[in-house]
């Protein structure tokens, strides 16, 4: 099928959200929600893995540039603990520059196998350089090679140039698994707000919010 043969609207009409046999919508009682959003996130994440969600650790990272214009992309969660929800990129990349201009971001997880979303937003801090390098070296050779390639978001002349630079970075990563990337940066998002969304087949979706207040969290509900 070519692009010319494709009817986008027809394709859209043929699709279902949360199809039976694919998605299991579980009941979610807000009264059972723990005091901490991190605790609930950990539970939901483990349940998404157990339910067969293929890439539960991928998430949308939304940032804004110096003019306040929004931007978003998919990145990988590197951890969630007392330090915050962590992700990494080059400080010189587009998102790295945007975070330098506005140290605030939002994250969204979507786990369709359970009809669930988790949304967070809050200030972002930068981890010490040694933590960023340790995070990088805990990943695969390919991840290290990509980090050593650098130049993320810069204009690319050709795919041949990419192949040449990438091949050299792979050789370096294989020869020296402890090689460091000067621009590789680990970020921590410290949420001010967290929302847990559980889909319901009758569209009575449950939305539980956590809002930071003082030294703790205040829970609430939102209309779907």
Protein backbone atom coordinates (compact mmCIF):
# COMPACT_ATOMS: atom_id res chain seq x y z
CA UNK A 1 0.00 0.00 0.00
CA UNK A 2 1.37 3.39 -1.00
CA UNK A 3 0.67 6.78 0.55
CA UNK A 4 -1.51 7.57 -2.47
CA UNK A 5 -3.65 4.50 -1.76
CA UNK A 6 -4.08 5.30 1.92
CA UNK A 7 -7.23 6.99 3.17
CA UNK A 8 -6.24 8.40 6.55
CA UNK A 9 -9.80 9.09 7.64
CA UNK A 10 -10.86 5.55 6.72
CA UNK A 11 -7.96 4.14 8.72
CA UNK A 12 -8.90 6.27 11.71
CA UNK A 13 -12.49 5.08 11.57
CA UNK A 14 -11.31 1.46 11.55
CA UNK A 15 -9.40 1.76 14.82
CA UNK A 16 -10.59 1.13 18.37
CA UNK A 17 -9.24 2.35 21.66
CA UNK A 18 -8.88 -0.29 24.38
CA UNK A 19 -10.13 -3.18 22.26
CA UNK A 20 -11.30 -6.28 24.18
CA UNK A 21 -8.62 -8.94 24.24
CA UNK A 22 -5.94 -6.28 23.97
CA UNK A 23 -6.68 -3.98 26.89
CA UNK A 24 -7.82 -4.91 30.39
CA UNK A 25 -9.42 -1.99 32.22
CA UNK A 26 -9.00 -2.57 35.92
CA UNK A 27 -11.09 -0.98 38.66
CA UNK A 28 -9.26 1.73 40.59
CA UNK A 29 -10.58 2.91 43.93
CA UNK A 30 -9.12 6.36 44.74
CA UNK A 31 -9.53 5.62 48.44
CA UNK A 32 -6.90 2.90 48.06
CA UNK A 33 -4.29 5.27 46.62
CA UNK A 34 -1.16 5.53 48.80
CA UNK A 35 0.04 8.79 50.30
CA UNK A 36 2.97 9.08 47.89
CA UNK A 37 2.71 9.27 44.08
CA UNK A 38 6.04 7.47 43.80
CA UNK A 39 4.56 4.46 45.58
CA UNK A 40 1.57 4.34 43.23
CA UNK A 41 3.76 4.90 40.17
CA UNK A 42 5.98 1.98 41.18
CA UNK A 43 2.91 -0.26 41.59
CA UNK A 44 1.42 0.77 38.26
CA UNK A 45 4.74 0.44 36.46
CA UNK A 46 5.20 -3.10 37.77
CA UNK A 47 1.65 -3.96 36.74
CA UNK A 48 2.25 -2.59 33.24
CA UNK A 49 5.34 -4.78 32.90
CA UNK A 50 3.46 -7.84 34.18
CA UNK A 51 0.57 -7.13 31.78
CA UNK A 52 2.94 -7.24 28.81
CA UNK A 53 3.31 -3.55 28.01
CA UNK A 54 6.18 -3.61 25.55
CA UNK A 55 7.97 -0.38 26.42
CA UNK A 56 6.52 0.89 29.71
CA UNK A 57 9.66 2.91 30.40
CA UNK A 58 9.16 5.19 27.40
CA UNK A 59 7.54 8.54 28.07
CA UNK A 60 6.79 11.86 26.45
CA UNK A 61 9.03 14.68 27.66
CA UNK A 62 7.55 18.14 27.10
CA UNK A 63 9.67 21.27 27.39
CA UNK A 64 9.48 24.90 26.27
CA UNK A 65 12.09 27.06 24.61
CA UNK A 66 13.23 30.52 25.68
CA UNK A 67 10.20 32.06 23.96
CA UNK A 68 7.79 29.73 25.75
CA UNK A 69 7.02 27.64 22.64
CA UNK A 70 6.30 23.98 23.51
CA UNK A 71 8.15 20.95 22.26
CA UNK A 72 7.78 17.22 22.96
CA UNK A 73 9.47 13.93 22.19
CA UNK A 74 9.70 10.35 23.45
CA UNK A 75 12.54 9.53 25.84
CA UNK A 76 13.34 6.71 28.25
CA UNK A 77 12.86 6.71 32.00
CA UNK A 78 16.16 6.08 33.75
CA UNK A 79 14.80 5.87 37.28
CA UNK A 80 12.19 7.13 39.73
CA UNK A 81 13.07 7.58 43.38
CA UNK A 82 13.63 10.23 46.03
CA UNK A 83 15.78 12.15 43.51
CA UNK A 84 12.84 12.43 41.09
CA UNK A 85 11.95 10.93 37.74
CA UNK A 86 15.19 10.70 35.75
CA UNK A 87 16.05 10.93 32.07
CA UNK A 88 19.20 11.77 30.15
CA UNK A 89 20.29 13.57 27.01
CA UNK A 90 23.05 15.78 25.70
CA UNK A 91 23.12 19.24 27.25
CA UNK A 92 23.77 20.55 23.73
CA UNK A 93 20.69 18.88 22.22
CA UNK A 94 17.48 20.80 21.55
CA UNK A 95 15.82 19.55 24.72
CA UNK A 96 19.01 20.15 26.67
CA UNK A 97 19.12 23.77 25.51
CA UNK A 98 15.42 24.19 26.29
CA UNK A 99 15.91 22.84 29.79
CA UNK A 100 18.81 25.24 30.23
CA UNK A 101 16.52 28.13 29.27
CA UNK A 102 13.51 26.94 31.27
CA UNK A 103 14.28 24.42 34.01
CA UNK A 104 10.73 23.03 34.08
CA UNK A 105 9.19 20.09 32.21
CA UNK A 106 6.33 17.60 31.99
CA UNK A 107 6.32 13.82 31.55
CA UNK A 108 3.53 11.56 30.29
CA UNK A 109 3.40 7.77 30.41
CA UNK A 110 0.76 5.86 28.44
CA UNK A 111 0.17 2.16 29.03
CA UNK A 112 -2.67 1.15 26.65
CA UNK A 113 -2.62 -2.50 27.74
CA UNK A 114 -4.22 -1.28 30.99
CA UNK A 115 -5.82 1.94 29.73
CA UNK A 116 -3.62 4.01 32.04
CA UNK A 117 -1.77 7.30 31.90
CA UNK A 118 0.52 9.00 34.39
CA UNK A 119 1.28 12.70 34.01
CA UNK A 120 3.86 14.71 35.94
CA UNK A 121 5.19 18.23 35.80
CA UNK A 122 7.65 20.17 37.89
CA UNK A 123 11.11 21.72 38.09
CA UNK A 124 14.13 19.89 36.72
CA UNK A 125 17.57 19.63 38.27
CA UNK A 126 20.87 18.39 36.85
CA UNK A 127 22.63 15.45 38.48
CA UNK A 128 26.38 15.61 39.18
CA UNK A 129 28.55 14.72 36.22
CA UNK A 130 29.77 11.48 37.82
CA UNK A 131 26.17 10.31 38.16
CA UNK A 132 25.55 11.02 34.47
CA UNK A 133 28.60 9.02 33.41
CA UNK A 134 27.67 6.14 35.72
CA UNK A 135 24.19 6.14 34.21
CA UNK A 136 25.67 6.06 30.71
CA UNK A 137 28.08 3.23 31.48
CA UNK A 138 25.28 1.12 32.96
CA UNK A 139 23.60 1.05 29.55
CA UNK A 140 24.41 -0.86 26.35
CA UNK A 141 27.39 -0.46 24.04
CA UNK A 142 25.02 1.04 21.48
CA UNK A 143 23.83 3.65 23.96
CA UNK A 144 27.43 4.58 24.75
CA UNK A 145 28.29 4.77 21.05
CA UNK A 146 25.32 7.04 20.41
CA UNK A 147 26.37 9.29 23.28
CA UNK A 148 29.95 9.42 22.01
CA UNK A 149 28.65 10.38 18.58
CA UNK A 150 27.08 13.46 20.14
CA UNK A 151 25.91 16.26 17.85
CA UNK A 152 22.28 15.49 18.68
CA UNK A 153 19.81 17.89 16.99
CA UNK A 154 22.53 19.42 14.81
CA UNK A 155 21.96 19.56 11.02
CA UNK A 156 23.15 16.40 9.25
CA UNK A 157 24.75 16.58 5.81
CA UNK A 158 24.01 13.00 4.74
CA UNK A 159 23.34 9.48 6.00
CA UNK A 160 26.85 8.57 4.84
CA UNK A 161 28.28 11.11 7.29
CA UNK A 162 26.13 9.62 10.05
CA UNK A 163 27.35 6.10 9.25
CA UNK A 164 31.00 7.16 9.27
CA UNK A 165 30.82 9.01 12.60
CA UNK A 166 28.66 6.29 14.16
CA UNK A 167 31.05 3.51 13.09
CA UNK A 168 33.95 5.33 14.73
CA UNK A 169 31.92 5.85 17.92
CA UNK A 170 31.05 2.13 18.01
CA UNK A 171 34.75 1.23 17.73
CA UNK A 172 35.56 3.62 20.57
CA UNK A 173 32.75 2.29 22.77
CA UNK A 174 33.81 -1.32 22.23
CA UNK A 175 37.49 -0.54 22.87
CA UNK A 176 36.81 1.61 25.95
CA UNK A 177 33.51 0.84 27.75
CA UNK A 178 34.35 3.57 30.30
CA UNK A 179 34.74 6.33 27.70
CA UNK A 180 33.01 9.54 28.79
CA UNK A 181 30.73 11.87 26.89
CA UNK A 182 31.31 15.45 28.01
CA UNK A 183 27.81 16.61 27.13
CA UNK A 184 25.85 13.61 28.42
CA UNK A 185 23.62 14.90 31.21
CA UNK A 186 21.30 13.20 33.70
CA UNK A 187 18.21 15.19 34.68
CA UNK A 188 15.78 14.75 37.58
CA UNK A 189 12.20 15.99 37.36
CA UNK A 190 10.80 16.83 40.80
CA UNK A 191 7.03 16.83 40.35
CA UNK A 192 4.78 19.49 41.83
CA UNK A 193 1.77 17.67 40.37
CA UNK A 194 1.14 14.05 39.42
CA UNK A 195 -2.01 12.61 37.84
CA UNK A 196 -2.98 8.94 37.57
CA UNK A 197 -5.62 8.17 34.93
CA UNK A 198 -7.45 4.85 34.83
CA UNK A 199 -9.68 4.33 31.80
CA UNK A 200 -13.20 2.96 32.16
CA UNK A 201 -15.25 1.24 29.44
CA UNK A 202 -18.26 3.49 30.22
CA UNK A 203 -15.97 6.53 30.05
CA UNK A 204 -16.21 7.08 33.80
CA UNK A 205 -12.45 7.43 33.88
CA UNK A 206 -10.85 7.79 37.30
CA UNK A 207 -8.36 10.66 37.59
CA UNK A 208 -6.46 10.93 40.88
CA UNK A 209 -4.18 13.91 41.40
CA UNK A 210 -1.35 14.55 43.81
CA UNK A 211 -0.34 18.14 44.48
CA UNK A 212 2.73 18.98 46.52
CA UNK A 213 1.89 21.09 49.53
CA UNK A 214 4.44 21.88 52.19
CA UNK A 215 6.37 18.73 52.93
CA UNK A 216 3.72 16.32 51.71
CA UNK A 217 1.06 15.60 49.11
CA UNK A 218 -2.61 16.47 48.84
CA UNK A 219 -4.79 14.07 46.84
CA UNK A 220 -7.80 15.04 44.78
CA UNK A 221 -10.05 13.96 41.91
CA UNK A 222 -10.70 15.41 38.46
CA UNK A 223 -13.67 15.05 36.14
CA UNK A 224 -12.85 12.84 33.17
